[in-house]
Amino acid sequence: MLTSYEFVSAWLQARCKTDRGASLVEYALLVALIAVVCIVAVTFLGQKASSKFSSVGSAVAG
């Protein structure tokens, strides 16, 4: 059974006459994956940093 990525890749390659279009799609998928990973990392690290700043602020004030 084909995974969704393999299905989409095969479908797009069947529609494209050259390998150039398939390469462009692969690069676009790669950039989208990198963007998602960056957003998740910034969100996770942002929450950790916020809690650290709060604890340091409480320690300084108290």
PDB file of N, CA and C in Angstrom:
ATOM      1  N   MET A   1       0.846  -1.182   0.000  1.00  0.00           N
ATOM      2  CA  MET A   1       0.000   0.000   0.000  1.00  0.00           C
ATOM      3  C   MET A   1       0.887   1.239   0.000  1.00  0.00           C
ATOM      4  N   LEU A   2       0.529   2.201  -0.810  1.00  0.00           N
ATOM      5  CA  LEU A   2       1.309   3.423  -0.917  1.00  0.00           C
ATOM      6  C   LEU A   2       1.000   4.371   0.232  1.00  0.00           C
ATOM      7  N   THR A   3       2.034   5.025   0.714  1.00  0.00           N
ATOM      8  CA  THR A   3       1.800   6.074   1.701  1.00  0.00           C
ATOM      9  C   THR A   3       1.285   7.305   0.972  1.00  0.00           C
ATOM     10  N   SER A   4       0.793   8.245   1.698  1.00  0.00           N
ATOM     11  CA  SER A   4       0.228   9.436   1.069  1.00  0.00           C
ATOM     12  C   SER A   4       1.298  10.221   0.325  1.00  0.00           C
ATOM     13  N   TYR A   5       2.523  10.270   0.866  1.00  0.00           N
ATOM     14  CA  TYR A   5       3.593  10.993   0.180  1.00  0.00           C
ATOM     15  C   TYR A   5       3.931  10.308  -1.135  1.00  0.00           C
ATOM     16  N   GLU A   6       4.032   8.976  -1.119  1.00  0.00           N
ATOM     17  CA  GLU A   6       4.352   8.244  -2.341  1.00  0.00           C
ATOM     18  C   GLU A   6       3.255   8.411  -3.381  1.00  0.00           C
ATOM     19  N   PHE A   7       1.997   8.416  -2.935  1.00  0.00           N
ATOM     20  CA  PHE A   7       0.877   8.592  -3.859  1.00  0.00           C
ATOM     21  C   PHE A   7       0.920   9.959  -4.512  1.00  0.00           C
ATOM     22  N   VAL A   8       1.105  10.995  -3.695  1.00  0.00           N
ATOM     23  CA  VAL A   8       1.157  12.360  -4.232  1.00  0.00           C
ATOM     24  C   VAL A   8       2.355  12.522  -5.152  1.00  0.00           C
ATOM     25  N   SER A   9       3.491  11.975  -4.751  1.00  0.00           N
ATOM     26  CA  SER A   9       4.689  12.064  -5.572  1.00  0.00           C
ATOM     27  C   SER A   9       4.480  11.354  -6.914  1.00  0.00           C
ATOM     28  N   ALA A  10       3.919  10.155  -6.883  1.00  0.00           N
ATOM     29  CA  ALA A  10       3.677   9.410  -8.123  1.00  0.00           C
ATOM     30  C   ALA A  10       2.672  10.130  -9.006  1.00  0.00           C
ATOM     31  N   TRP A  11       1.638  10.698  -8.409  1.00  0.00           N
ATOM     32  CA  TRP A  11       0.622  11.412  -9.176  1.00  0.00           C
ATOM     33  C   TRP A  11       1.217  12.647  -9.848  1.00  0.00           C
ATOM     34  N   LEU A  12       2.013  13.391  -9.091  1.00  0.00           N
ATOM     35  CA  LEU A  12       2.621  14.592  -9.664  1.00  0.00           C
ATOM     36  C   LEU A  12       3.644  14.248 -10.738  1.00  0.00           C
ATOM     37  N   GLN A  13       4.402  13.182 -10.544  1.00  0.00           N
ATOM     38  CA  GLN A  13       5.370  12.783 -11.556  1.00  0.00           C
ATOM     39  C   GLN A  13       4.678  12.325 -12.827  1.00  0.00           C
ATOM     40  N   ALA A  14       3.528  11.697 -12.701  1.00  0.00           N
ATOM     41  CA  ALA A  14       2.775  11.276 -13.876  1.00  0.00           C
ATOM     42  C   ALA A  14       2.244  12.475 -14.651  1.00  0.00           C
ATOM     43  N   ARG A  15       1.957  13.564 -13.959  1.00  0.00           N
ATOM     44  CA  ARG A  15       1.409  14.762 -14.610  1.00  0.00           C
ATOM     45  C   ARG A  15       2.497  15.652 -15.206  1.00  0.00           C
ATOM     46  N   CYS A  16       3.717  15.537 -14.711  1.00  0.00           N
ATOM     47  CA  CYS A  16       4.812  16.382 -15.184  1.00  0.00           C
ATOM     48  C   CYS A  16       5.546  15.694 -16.326  1.00  0.00           C
ATOM     49  N   LYS A  17       5.955  16.485 -17.304  1.00  0.00           N
ATOM     50  CA  LYS A  17       6.667  15.926 -18.446  1.00  0.00           C
ATOM     51  C   LYS A  17       8.167  15.851 -18.197  1.00  0.00           C
ATOM     52  N   THR A  18       8.683  16.649 -17.263  1.00  0.00           N
ATOM     53  CA  THR A  18      10.112  16.640 -16.970  1.00  0.00           C
ATOM     54  C   THR A  18      10.329  16.362 -15.493  1.00  0.00           C
ATOM     55  N   ASP A  19      11.565  16.055 -15.135  1.00  0.00           N
ATOM     56  CA  ASP A  19      11.905  15.843 -13.732  1.00  0.00           C
ATOM     57  C   ASP A  19      11.996  17.155 -12.967  1.00  0.00           C
ATOM     58  N   ARG A  20      12.056  18.245 -13.686  1.00  0.00           N
ATOM     59  CA  ARG A  20      12.182  19.544 -13.039  1.00  0.00           C
ATOM     60  C   ARG A  20      10.992  19.843 -12.134  1.00  0.00           C
ATOM     61  N   GLY A  21       9.800  19.559 -12.601  1.00  0.00           N
ATOM     62  CA  GLY A  21       8.604  19.804 -11.795  1.00  0.00           C
ATOM     63  C   GLY A  21       8.554  18.929 -10.560  1.00  0.00           C
ATOM     64  N   ALA A  22       8.966  17.675 -10.704  1.00  0.00           N
ATOM     65  CA  ALA A  22       8.971  16.766  -9.560  1.00  0.00           C
ATOM     66  C   ALA A  22       9.980  17.241  -8.513  1.00  0.00           C
ATOM     67  N   SER A  23      11.125  17.708  -8.975  1.00  0.00           N
ATOM     68  CA  SER A  23      12.128  18.220  -8.039  1.00  0.00           C
ATOM     69  C   SER A  23      11.602  19.444  -7.311  1.00  0.00           C
ATOM     70  N   LEU A  24      10.904  20.299  -8.021  1.00  0.00           N
ATOM     71  CA  LEU A  24      10.336  21.496  -7.407  1.00  0.00           C
ATOM     72  C   LEU A  24       9.340  21.121  -6.322  1.00  0.00           C
ATOM     73  N   VAL A  25       8.514  20.129  -6.578  1.00  0.00           N
ATOM     74  CA  VAL A  25       7.533  19.680  -5.584  1.00  0.00           C
ATOM     75  C   VAL A  25       8.245  19.099  -4.366  1.00  0.00           C
ATOM     76  N   GLU A  26       9.292  18.324  -4.597  1.00  0.00           N
ATOM     77  CA  GLU A  26      10.031  17.751  -3.466  1.00  0.00           C
ATOM     78  C   GLU A  26      10.677  18.839  -2.623  1.00  0.00           C
ATOM     79  N   TYR A  27      11.245  19.852  -3.271  1.00  0.00           N
ATOM     80  CA  TYR A  27      11.828  20.960  -2.520  1.00  0.00           C
ATOM     81  C   TYR A  27      10.757  21.730  -1.746  1.00  0.00           C
ATOM     82  N   ALA A  28       9.601  21.914  -2.334  1.00  0.00           N
ATOM     83  CA  ALA A  28       8.512  22.622  -1.649  1.00  0.00           C
ATOM     84  C   ALA A  28       8.060  21.841  -0.418  1.00  0.00           C
ATOM     85  N   LEU A  29       7.952  20.520  -0.548  1.00  0.00           N
ATOM     86  CA  LEU A  29       7.572  19.694   0.602  1.00  0.00           C
ATOM     87  C   LEU A  29       8.638  19.748   1.686  1.00  0.00           C
ATOM     88  N   LEU A  30       9.889  19.750   1.286  1.00  0.00           N
ATOM     89  CA  LEU A  30      10.983  19.831   2.251  1.00  0.00           C
ATOM     90  C   LEU A  30      10.962  21.162   2.996  1.00  0.00           C
ATOM     91  N   VAL A  31      10.755  22.252   2.280  1.00  0.00           N
ATOM     92  CA  VAL A  31      10.685  23.576   2.918  1.00  0.00           C
ATOM     93  C   VAL A  31       9.494  23.647   3.869  1.00  0.00           C
ATOM     94  N   ALA A  32       8.362  23.067   3.476  1.00  0.00           N
ATOM     95  CA  ALA A  32       7.189  23.066   4.350  1.00  0.00           C
ATOM     96  C   ALA A  32       7.457  22.270   5.626  1.00  0.00           C
ATOM     97  N   LEU A  33       8.132  21.137   5.501  1.00  0.00           N
ATOM     98  CA  LEU A  33       8.463  20.330   6.677  1.00  0.00           C
ATOM     99  C   LEU A  33       9.410  21.077   7.608  1.00  0.00           C
ATOM    100  N   ILE A  34      10.405  21.735   7.050  1.00  0.00           N
ATOM    101  CA  ILE A  34      11.342  22.510   7.861  1.00  0.00           C
ATOM    102  C   ILE A  34      10.611  23.644   8.583  1.00  0.00           C
ATOM    103  N   ALA A  35       9.690  24.298   7.898  1.00  0.00           N
ATOM    104  CA  ALA A  35       8.926  25.382   8.522  1.00  0.00           C
ATOM    105  C   ALA A  35       8.100  24.871   9.700  1.00  0.00           C
ATOM    106  N   VAL A  36       7.473  23.725   9.531  1.00  0.00           N
ATOM    107  CA  VAL A  36       6.665  23.156  10.614  1.00  0.00           C
ATOM    108  C   VAL A  36       7.543  22.809  11.812  1.00  0.00           C
ATOM    109  N   VAL A  37       8.707  22.218  11.561  1.00  0.00           N
ATOM    110  CA  VAL A  37       9.618  21.868  12.648  1.00  0.00           C
ATOM    111  C   VAL A  37      10.088  23.127  13.373  1.00  0.00           C
ATOM    112  N   CYS A  38      10.396  24.179  12.624  1.00  0.00           N
ATOM    113  CA  CYS A  38      10.832  25.437  13.248  1.00  0.00           C
ATOM    114  C   CYS A  38       9.734  26.050  14.104  1.00  0.00           C
ATOM    115  N   ILE A  39       8.518  26.034  13.617  1.00  0.00           N
ATOM    116  CA  ILE A  39       7.398  26.605  14.376  1.00  0.00           C
ATOM    117  C   ILE A  39       7.178  25.826  15.670  1.00  0.00           C
ATOM    118  N   VAL A  40       7.235  24.502  15.588  1.00  0.00           N
ATOM    119  CA  VAL A  40       7.061  23.675  16.791  1.00  0.00           C
ATOM    120  C   VAL A  40       8.194  23.924  17.781  1.00  0.00           C
ATOM    121  N   ALA A  41       9.427  24.029  17.281  1.00  0.00           N
ATOM    122  CA  ALA A  41      10.568  24.265  18.169  1.00  0.00           C
ATOM    123  C   ALA A  41      10.465  25.618  18.859  1.00  0.00           C
ATOM    124  N   VAL A  42      10.106  26.649  18.111  1.00  0.00           N
ATOM    125  CA  VAL A  42       9.990  27.984  18.705  1.00  0.00           C
ATOM    126  C   VAL A  42       8.865  28.012  19.733  1.00  0.00           C
ATOM    127  N   THR A  43       7.768  27.353  19.438  1.00  0.00           N
ATOM    128  CA  THR A  43       6.651  27.302  20.389  1.00  0.00           C
ATOM    129  C   THR A  43       7.066  26.591  21.675  1.00  0.00           C
ATOM    130  N   PHE A  44       7.719  25.447  21.530  1.00  0.00           N
ATOM    131  CA  PHE A  44       8.145  24.675  22.701  1.00  0.00           C
ATOM    132  C   PHE A  44       9.184  25.441  23.507  1.00  0.00           C
ATOM    133  N   LEU A  45      10.201  25.978  22.851  1.00  0.00           N
ATOM    134  CA  LEU A  45      11.255  26.707  23.555  1.00  0.00           C
ATOM    135  C   LEU A  45      10.742  28.021  24.129  1.00  0.00           C
ATOM    136  N   GLY A  46       9.773  28.625  23.477  1.00  0.00           N
ATOM    137  CA  GLY A  46       9.189  29.859  23.986  1.00  0.00           C
ATOM    138  C   GLY A  46       8.485  29.643  25.311  1.00  0.00           C
ATOM    139  N   GLN A  47       7.765  28.544  25.431  1.00  0.00           N
ATOM    140  CA  GLN A  47       7.080  28.233  26.685  1.00  0.00           C
ATOM    141  C   GLN A  47       8.088  27.931  27.793  1.00  0.00           C
ATOM    142  N   LYS A  48       9.148  27.207  27.467  1.00  0.00           N
ATOM    143  CA  LYS A  48      10.187  26.906  28.461  1.00  0.00           C
ATOM    144  C   LYS A  48      10.873  28.191  28.923  1.00  0.00           C
ATOM    145  N   ALA A  49      11.203  29.069  27.982  1.00  0.00           N
ATOM    146  CA  ALA A  49      11.878  30.316  28.326  1.00  0.00           C
ATOM    147  C   ALA A  49      10.979  31.195  29.187  1.00  0.00           C
ATOM    148  N   SER A  50       9.705  31.229  28.873  1.00  0.00           N
ATOM    149  CA  SER A  50       8.770  32.032  29.656  1.00  0.00           C
ATOM    150  C   SER A  50       8.705  31.543  31.096  1.00  0.00           C
ATOM    151  N   SER A  51       8.652  30.232  31.289  1.00  0.00           N
ATOM    152  CA  SER A  51       8.596  29.707  32.658  1.00  0.00           C
ATOM    153  C   SER A  51       9.893  29.983  33.409  1.00  0.00           C
ATOM    154  N   LYS A  52      11.026  29.909  32.733  1.00  0.00           N
ATOM    155  CA  LYS A  52      12.313  30.216  33.386  1.00  0.00           C
ATOM    156  C   LYS A  52      12.372  31.683  33.794  1.00  0.00           C
ATOM    157  N   PHE A  53      11.964  32.582  32.899  1.00  0.00           N
ATOM    158  CA  PHE A  53      11.968  34.009  33.242  1.00  0.00           C
ATOM    159  C   PHE A  53      11.050  34.294  34.418  1.00  0.00           C
ATOM    160  N   SER A  54       9.906  33.609  34.474  1.00  0.00           N
ATOM    161  CA  SER A  54       8.980  33.796  35.585  1.00  0.00           C
ATOM    162  C   SER A  54       9.616  33.337  36.899  1.00  0.00           C
ATOM    163  N   SER A  55      10.272  32.206  36.884  1.00  0.00           N
ATOM    164  CA  SER A  55      10.877  31.701  38.119  1.00  0.00           C
ATOM    165  C   SER A  55      12.041  32.582  38.555  1.00  0.00           C
ATOM    166  N   VAL A  56      12.825  33.090  37.617  1.00  0.00           N
ATOM    167  CA  VAL A  56      13.931  33.990  37.967  1.00  0.00           C
ATOM    168  C   VAL A  56      13.365  35.307  38.510  1.00  0.00           C
ATOM    169  N   GLY A  57      12.315  35.802  37.886  1.00  0.00           N
ATOM    170  CA  GLY A  57      11.694  37.053  38.364  1.00  0.00           C
ATOM    171  C   GLY A  57      11.141  36.899  39.760  1.00  0.00           C
ATOM    172  N   SER A  58      10.541  35.771  40.049  1.00  0.00           N
ATOM    173  CA  SER A  58      10.003  35.518  41.386  1.00  0.00           C
ATOM    174  C   SER A  58      11.127  35.423  42.402  1.00  0.00           C
ATOM    175  N   ALA A  59      12.237  34.798  42.036  1.00  0.00           N
ATOM    176  CA  ALA A  59      13.367  34.661  42.944  1.00  0.00           C
ATOM    177  C   ALA A  59      14.012  36.016  43.225  1.00  0.00           C
ATOM    178  N   VAL A  60      14.101  36.865  42.224  1.00  0.00           N
ATOM    179  CA  VAL A  60      14.695  38.184  42.408  1.00  0.00           C
ATOM    180  C   VAL A  60      13.792  39.073  43.253  1.00  0.00           C
ATOM    181  N   ALA A  61      12.494  39.015  43.015  1.00  0.00           N
ATOM    182  CA  ALA A  61      11.547  39.860  43.734  1.00  0.00           C
ATOM    183  C   ALA A  61      11.371  39.405  45.179  1.00  0.00           C
ATOM    184  N   GLY A  62      11.540  38.121  45.426  1.00  0.00           N
ATOM    185  CA  GLY A  62      11.255  37.594  46.753  1.00  0.00           C
ATOM    186  C   GLY A  62      12.451  37.356  47.525  1.00  0.00           C
TER     187      GLY A  62
END
